[in-house]
Amino acid sequence: MRSPATATTTKQRSSRGTKRRLASFAASLLLASVGMFGLNAAPAQAGYLGGVNMEMACLFQYGVQWNEGLFGNDVMSWKCVDPTCCYLASIDVDRACRTQYNNINAFALYSSYHNPYSWFCAD
């Protein structure tokens, strides 16, 4: 039979062990939920390079006869137009940023989907 002092010490150790296991479980649960819901650390902020020249994008991507045209009211409305016909081609805006700023790490972003003039380049 245990003495009362030994029983109390064992109970305290058991209580501390339970608390430690609960804390470990809670931490594991928190980390799992963060990973599951995509709450990862924020990426480093992109560096602003400047606006996108859609006219130059069409020139470099399709040739000298192509011009830019706006066919709607959102950022996806920019197209390159072949003047010899009515052919429309999409603009690779990421490529336009890399070419315009001579930066292989450049990429395109926009500040408002409903504003076709909100494109800009960052790296």
N, C-alpha and C. Protein backbone atom coordinates (compact mmCIF):
# COMPACT_ATOMS: atom_id res chain seq x y z
N MET A 1 0.83 -1.18 0.00
CA MET A 1 0.00 0.00 0.00
C MET A 1 0.87 1.24 0.00
N ARG A 2 0.45 2.24 -0.72
CA ARG A 2 1.23 3.47 -0.83
C ARG A 2 0.95 4.38 0.35
N SER A 3 1.93 5.16 0.63
CA SER A 3 1.72 6.16 1.67
C SER A 3 0.95 7.32 1.07
N PRO A 4 0.26 8.13 1.87
CA PRO A 4 -0.49 9.27 1.34
C PRO A 4 0.39 10.23 0.56
N ALA A 5 1.64 10.43 0.98
CA ALA A 5 2.55 11.35 0.28
C ALA A 5 2.86 10.81 -1.11
N THR A 6 3.12 9.51 -1.23
CA THR A 6 3.42 8.89 -2.51
C THR A 6 2.21 8.95 -3.44
N ALA A 7 1.03 8.73 -2.90
CA ALA A 7 -0.19 8.78 -3.70
C ALA A 7 -0.40 10.17 -4.27
N THR A 8 -0.15 11.21 -3.49
CA THR A 8 -0.31 12.59 -3.96
C THR A 8 0.70 12.90 -5.06
N THR A 9 1.97 12.49 -4.86
CA THR A 9 3.01 12.74 -5.85
C THR A 9 2.69 12.02 -7.15
N THR A 10 2.24 10.79 -7.06
CA THR A 10 1.87 10.03 -8.26
C THR A 10 0.71 10.70 -8.97
N LYS A 11 -0.26 11.19 -8.20
CA LYS A 11 -1.43 11.87 -8.78
C LYS A 11 -1.01 13.16 -9.48
N GLN A 12 -0.05 13.91 -8.87
CA GLN A 12 0.43 15.15 -9.48
C GLN A 12 1.16 14.85 -10.79
N ARG A 13 2.02 13.80 -10.77
CA ARG A 13 2.73 13.43 -11.99
C ARG A 13 1.76 13.01 -13.08
N SER A 14 0.78 12.24 -12.69
CA SER A 14 -0.24 11.79 -13.64
C SER A 14 -1.00 12.98 -14.21
N SER A 15 -1.33 13.94 -13.37
CA SER A 15 -2.04 15.14 -13.81
C SER A 15 -1.18 15.96 -14.77
N ARG A 16 0.12 16.10 -14.44
CA ARG A 16 1.03 16.83 -15.34
C ARG A 16 1.18 16.11 -16.66
N GLY A 17 1.26 14.79 -16.64
CA GLY A 17 1.38 14.02 -17.87
C GLY A 17 0.14 14.17 -18.74
N THR A 18 -1.02 14.17 -18.11
CA THR A 18 -2.27 14.35 -18.84
C THR A 18 -2.33 15.74 -19.46
N LYS A 19 -1.92 16.74 -18.70
CA LYS A 19 -1.91 18.12 -19.23
C LYS A 19 -0.95 18.23 -20.40
N ARG A 20 0.21 17.60 -20.26
CA ARG A 20 1.20 17.64 -21.34
C ARG A 20 0.66 16.96 -22.60
N ARG A 21 0.01 15.81 -22.43
CA ARG A 21 -0.56 15.10 -23.58
C ARG A 21 -1.68 15.91 -24.22
N LEU A 22 -2.51 16.55 -23.40
CA LEU A 22 -3.58 17.39 -23.94
C LEU A 22 -3.01 18.58 -24.71
N ALA A 23 -1.98 19.20 -24.15
CA ALA A 23 -1.35 20.34 -24.84
C ALA A 23 -0.74 19.90 -26.16
N SER A 24 -0.09 18.73 -26.16
CA SER A 24 0.51 18.20 -27.38
C SER A 24 -0.57 17.89 -28.41
N PHE A 25 -1.66 17.28 -27.95
CA PHE A 25 -2.77 16.97 -28.85
C PHE A 25 -3.38 18.25 -29.43
N ALA A 26 -3.57 19.27 -28.59
CA ALA A 26 -4.15 20.54 -29.06
C ALA A 26 -3.23 21.19 -30.09
N ALA A 27 -1.92 21.16 -29.83
CA ALA A 27 -0.97 21.74 -30.78
C ALA A 27 -1.02 20.99 -32.11
N SER A 28 -1.08 19.66 -32.05
CA SER A 28 -1.16 18.85 -33.27
C SER A 28 -2.44 19.15 -34.05
N LEU A 29 -3.53 19.27 -33.32
CA LEU A 29 -4.81 19.58 -33.94
C LEU A 29 -4.78 20.95 -34.61
N LEU A 30 -4.18 21.92 -33.94
CA LEU A 30 -4.07 23.27 -34.52
C LEU A 30 -3.24 23.24 -35.78
N LEU A 31 -2.09 22.57 -35.76
CA LEU A 31 -1.24 22.50 -36.94
C LEU A 31 -1.95 21.77 -38.09
N ALA A 32 -2.66 20.73 -37.78
CA ALA A 32 -3.39 19.99 -38.81
C ALA A 32 -4.47 20.87 -39.43
N SER A 33 -5.19 21.62 -38.61
CA SER A 33 -6.26 22.47 -39.15
C SER A 33 -5.69 23.61 -39.97
N VAL A 34 -4.55 24.15 -39.57
CA VAL A 34 -3.91 25.21 -40.34
C VAL A 34 -3.52 24.69 -41.71
N GLY A 35 -2.91 23.50 -41.76
CA GLY A 35 -2.54 22.91 -43.04
C GLY A 35 -3.74 22.57 -43.89
N MET A 36 -4.81 22.09 -43.27
CA MET A 36 -6.00 21.68 -44.00
C MET A 36 -6.73 22.88 -44.62
N PHE A 37 -6.77 23.98 -43.93
CA PHE A 37 -7.51 25.14 -44.42
C PHE A 37 -6.62 26.14 -45.15
N GLY A 38 -5.36 25.81 -45.37
CA GLY A 38 -4.48 26.66 -46.16
C GLY A 38 -4.06 27.93 -45.46
N LEU A 39 -4.03 27.96 -44.18
CA LEU A 39 -3.61 29.16 -43.46
C LEU A 39 -2.10 29.11 -43.26
N ASN A 40 -1.39 29.13 -44.35
CA ASN A 40 0.06 29.06 -44.30
C ASN A 40 0.65 30.44 -44.03
N ALA A 41 1.92 30.47 -43.80
CA ALA A 41 2.59 31.75 -43.59
C ALA A 41 2.44 32.60 -44.85
N ALA A 42 2.30 33.88 -44.67
CA ALA A 42 2.14 34.79 -45.80
C ALA A 42 3.41 34.82 -46.64
N PRO A 43 3.28 34.82 -47.97
CA PRO A 43 4.47 34.88 -48.81
C PRO A 43 5.11 36.26 -48.72
N ALA A 44 6.36 36.31 -49.09
CA ALA A 44 7.04 37.60 -49.10
C ALA A 44 6.32 38.53 -50.07
N GLN A 45 6.26 39.78 -49.74
CA GLN A 45 5.54 40.73 -50.57
C GLN A 45 6.26 40.93 -51.90
N ALA A 46 5.49 40.92 -52.97
CA ALA A 46 6.05 41.10 -54.30
C ALA A 46 6.49 42.54 -54.49
N GLY A 47 7.55 42.71 -55.28
CA GLY A 47 8.03 44.05 -55.59
C GLY A 47 7.31 44.61 -56.81
N TYR A 48 6.79 45.81 -56.68
CA TYR A 48 6.06 46.46 -57.77
C TYR A 48 7.05 46.92 -58.83
N LEU A 49 6.76 46.57 -60.09
CA LEU A 49 7.62 46.99 -61.20
C LEU A 49 6.99 48.12 -62.01
N GLY A 50 5.69 48.08 -62.21
CA GLY A 50 5.00 49.10 -63.00
C GLY A 50 3.86 48.50 -63.80
N GLY A 51 3.25 49.33 -64.63
CA GLY A 51 2.11 48.90 -65.43
C GLY A 51 2.51 48.00 -66.59
N VAL A 52 1.50 47.50 -67.29
CA VAL A 52 1.71 46.61 -68.44
C VAL A 52 1.36 47.37 -69.71
N ASN A 53 2.26 47.34 -70.68
CA ASN A 53 2.04 47.96 -71.97
C ASN A 53 1.44 46.89 -72.89
N MET A 54 0.12 46.90 -73.04
CA MET A 54 -0.56 45.87 -73.83
C MET A 54 -0.21 45.98 -75.32
N GLU A 55 0.03 47.18 -75.80
CA GLU A 55 0.41 47.36 -77.20
C GLU A 55 1.74 46.65 -77.49
N MET A 56 2.71 46.84 -76.58
CA MET A 56 4.00 46.18 -76.75
C MET A 56 3.87 44.67 -76.57
N ALA A 57 2.96 44.25 -75.70
CA ALA A 57 2.73 42.82 -75.50
C ALA A 57 2.29 42.17 -76.81
N CYS A 58 1.36 42.80 -77.52
CA CYS A 58 0.88 42.26 -78.79
C CYS A 58 2.00 42.27 -79.83
N LEU A 59 2.76 43.32 -79.86
CA LEU A 59 3.88 43.44 -80.80
C LEU A 59 4.87 42.30 -80.59
N PHE A 60 5.30 42.08 -79.36
CA PHE A 60 6.28 41.03 -79.08
C PHE A 60 5.71 39.62 -79.19
N GLN A 61 4.44 39.45 -78.87
CA GLN A 61 3.88 38.10 -78.88
C GLN A 61 3.36 37.66 -80.24
N TYR A 62 2.94 38.64 -81.10
CA TYR A 62 2.32 38.24 -82.38
C TYR A 62 2.92 38.91 -83.61
N GLY A 63 3.70 39.94 -83.44
CA GLY A 63 4.32 40.59 -84.58
C GLY A 63 3.86 42.02 -84.77
N VAL A 64 4.50 42.71 -85.71
CA VAL A 64 4.31 44.15 -85.87
C VAL A 64 2.93 44.55 -86.38
N GLN A 65 2.21 43.68 -87.03
CA GLN A 65 0.90 44.06 -87.56
C GLN A 65 -0.21 43.99 -86.50
N TRP A 66 0.08 43.40 -85.37
CA TRP A 66 -0.95 43.20 -84.35
C TRP A 66 -1.06 44.42 -83.45
N ASN A 67 -2.28 44.71 -83.05
CA ASN A 67 -2.56 45.82 -82.13
C ASN A 67 -3.35 45.30 -80.94
N GLU A 68 -3.32 46.05 -79.86
CA GLU A 68 -4.13 45.67 -78.70
C GLU A 68 -5.54 46.21 -78.86
N GLY A 69 -6.48 45.54 -78.25
CA GLY A 69 -7.87 46.00 -78.26
C GLY A 69 -8.55 45.59 -76.97
N LEU A 70 -9.47 46.42 -76.54
CA LEU A 70 -10.22 46.14 -75.33
C LEU A 70 -11.64 45.78 -75.72
N PHE A 71 -12.06 44.55 -75.39
CA PHE A 71 -13.35 44.04 -75.82
C PHE A 71 -14.25 43.67 -74.64
N GLY A 72 -14.31 44.53 -73.67
CA GLY A 72 -15.13 44.29 -72.48
C GLY A 72 -14.72 45.20 -71.35
N ASN A 73 -15.20 44.87 -70.17
CA ASN A 73 -14.96 45.74 -69.02
C ASN A 73 -14.24 45.06 -67.87
N ASP A 74 -13.43 44.04 -68.17
CA ASP A 74 -12.67 43.41 -67.10
C ASP A 74 -11.25 43.13 -67.57
N VAL A 75 -10.42 42.65 -66.68
CA VAL A 75 -9.00 42.47 -67.00
C VAL A 75 -8.77 41.43 -68.10
N MET A 76 -9.70 40.52 -68.29
CA MET A 76 -9.54 39.50 -69.33
C MET A 76 -10.04 39.96 -70.71
N SER A 77 -10.43 41.20 -70.80
CA SER A 77 -10.98 41.72 -72.05
C SER A 77 -9.93 42.21 -73.04
N TRP A 78 -8.66 42.26 -72.63
CA TRP A 78 -7.60 42.68 -73.55
C TRP A 78 -7.32 41.56 -74.53
N LYS A 79 -7.23 41.91 -75.81
CA LYS A 79 -6.91 40.94 -76.87
C LYS A 79 -5.96 41.60 -77.86
N CYS A 80 -5.25 40.79 -78.57
CA CYS A 80 -4.45 41.27 -79.70
C CYS A 80 -5.28 41.07 -80.96
N VAL A 81 -5.25 42.06 -81.84
CA VAL A 81 -6.09 42.06 -83.03
C VAL A 81 -5.21 42.05 -84.27
N ASP A 82 -5.51 41.13 -85.17
CA ASP A 82 -4.84 41.06 -86.46
C ASP A 82 -5.57 42.01 -87.40
N PRO A 83 -4.91 43.07 -87.89
CA PRO A 83 -5.60 44.07 -88.71
C PRO A 83 -6.01 43.56 -90.10
N THR A 84 -5.43 42.45 -90.57
CA THR A 84 -5.78 41.95 -91.90
C THR A 84 -7.08 41.17 -91.87
N CYS A 85 -7.57 40.88 -90.69
CA CYS A 85 -8.81 40.12 -90.54
C CYS A 85 -9.47 40.53 -89.23
N CYS A 86 -10.20 39.70 -88.68
CA CYS A 86 -10.88 39.98 -87.41
C CYS A 86 -10.43 39.00 -86.34
N TYR A 87 -9.24 38.47 -86.52
CA TYR A 87 -8.76 37.46 -85.59
C TYR A 87 -8.32 38.10 -84.28
N LEU A 88 -8.78 37.53 -83.16
CA LEU A 88 -8.38 37.98 -81.83
C LEU A 88 -7.52 36.91 -81.17
N ALA A 89 -6.51 37.34 -80.46
CA ALA A 89 -5.64 36.41 -79.74
C ALA A 89 -5.47 36.90 -78.31
N SER A 90 -5.33 35.95 -77.41
CA SER A 90 -5.17 36.33 -76.01
C SER A 90 -3.76 36.88 -75.76
N ILE A 91 -3.64 37.63 -74.69
CA ILE A 91 -2.35 38.20 -74.30
C ILE A 91 -1.83 37.43 -73.09
N ASP A 92 -0.62 36.95 -73.20
CA ASP A 92 0.05 36.33 -72.06
C ASP A 92 0.65 37.47 -71.24
N VAL A 93 -0.08 37.91 -70.23
CA VAL A 93 0.32 39.10 -69.47
C VAL A 93 1.56 38.83 -68.63
N ASP A 94 1.72 37.62 -68.12
CA ASP A 94 2.96 37.28 -67.40
C ASP A 94 4.17 37.43 -68.32
N ARG A 95 4.04 36.91 -69.53
CA ARG A 95 5.12 37.02 -70.51
C ARG A 95 5.38 38.49 -70.85
N ALA A 96 4.31 39.27 -70.96
CA ALA A 96 4.46 40.70 -71.24
C ALA A 96 5.29 41.37 -70.15
N CYS A 97 5.05 41.01 -68.90
CA CYS A 97 5.82 41.59 -67.79
C CYS A 97 7.29 41.19 -67.87
N ARG A 98 7.54 39.92 -68.14
CA ARG A 98 8.93 39.46 -68.23
C ARG A 98 9.67 40.18 -69.35
N THR A 99 9.00 40.36 -70.49
CA THR A 99 9.61 41.03 -71.64
C THR A 99 9.79 42.52 -71.37
N GLN A 100 8.72 43.17 -70.93
CA GLN A 100 8.73 44.62 -70.73
C GLN A 100 9.79 45.05 -69.71
N TYR A 101 9.95 44.28 -68.65
CA TYR A 101 10.89 44.66 -67.59
C TYR A 101 12.18 43.86 -67.63
N ASN A 102 12.36 43.06 -68.69
CA ASN A 102 13.56 42.25 -68.86
C ASN A 102 13.92 41.55 -67.54
N ASN A 103 12.94 40.84 -67.00
CA ASN A 103 13.07 40.23 -65.68
C ASN A 103 12.39 38.86 -65.72
N ILE A 104 13.17 37.80 -65.63
CA ILE A 104 12.59 36.45 -65.73
C ILE A 104 11.69 36.11 -64.54
N ASN A 105 11.79 36.87 -63.45
CA ASN A 105 10.97 36.62 -62.28
C ASN A 105 9.69 37.44 -62.25
N ALA A 106 9.50 38.29 -63.25
CA ALA A 106 8.32 39.17 -63.27
C ALA A 106 7.05 38.37 -63.55
N PHE A 107 5.96 38.84 -63.00
CA PHE A 107 4.66 38.23 -63.23
C PHE A 107 3.60 39.33 -63.16
N ALA A 108 2.42 39.01 -63.67
CA ALA A 108 1.34 39.99 -63.77
C ALA A 108 0.33 39.81 -62.64
N LEU A 109 -0.18 40.92 -62.17
CA LEU A 109 -1.26 40.95 -61.18
C LEU A 109 -2.22 42.05 -61.59
N TYR A 110 -3.40 42.04 -61.01
CA TYR A 110 -4.32 43.15 -61.20
C TYR A 110 -4.94 43.50 -59.87
N SER A 111 -5.33 44.76 -59.73
CA SER A 111 -5.88 45.21 -58.45
C SER A 111 -7.39 45.09 -58.41
N SER A 112 -8.04 45.07 -59.58
CA SER A 112 -9.49 44.94 -59.62
C SER A 112 -9.90 44.21 -60.89
N TYR A 113 -10.55 43.07 -60.75
CA TYR A 113 -10.96 42.29 -61.91
C TYR A 113 -11.84 43.11 -62.86
N HIS A 114 -12.66 43.97 -62.33
CA HIS A 114 -13.59 44.74 -63.15
C HIS A 114 -13.01 46.03 -63.71
N ASN A 115 -11.70 46.21 -63.57
CA ASN A 115 -11.01 47.37 -64.15
C ASN A 115 -9.91 46.87 -65.07
N PRO A 116 -10.14 46.92 -66.39
CA PRO A 116 -9.14 46.38 -67.32
C PRO A 116 -7.80 47.13 -67.28
N TYR A 117 -7.80 48.31 -66.70
CA TYR A 117 -6.57 49.10 -66.62
C TYR A 117 -5.81 48.87 -65.32
N SER A 118 -6.20 47.86 -64.55
CA SER A 118 -5.56 47.65 -63.25
C SER A 118 -4.42 46.63 -63.27
N TRP A 119 -4.03 46.17 -64.46
CA TRP A 119 -2.89 45.25 -64.56
C TRP A 119 -1.59 45.95 -64.12
N PHE A 120 -0.73 45.22 -63.47
CA PHE A 120 0.61 45.72 -63.16
C PHE A 120 1.57 44.53 -63.05
N CYS A 121 2.84 44.82 -63.07
CA CYS A 121 3.87 43.79 -62.99
C CYS A 121 4.58 43.86 -61.65
N ALA A 122 4.99 42.69 -61.18
CA ALA A 122 5.72 42.58 -59.92
C ALA A 122 6.77 41.49 -60.07
N ASP A 123 7.65 41.43 -59.11
CA ASP A 123 8.62 40.32 -59.08
C ASP A 123 8.85 39.86 -57.65
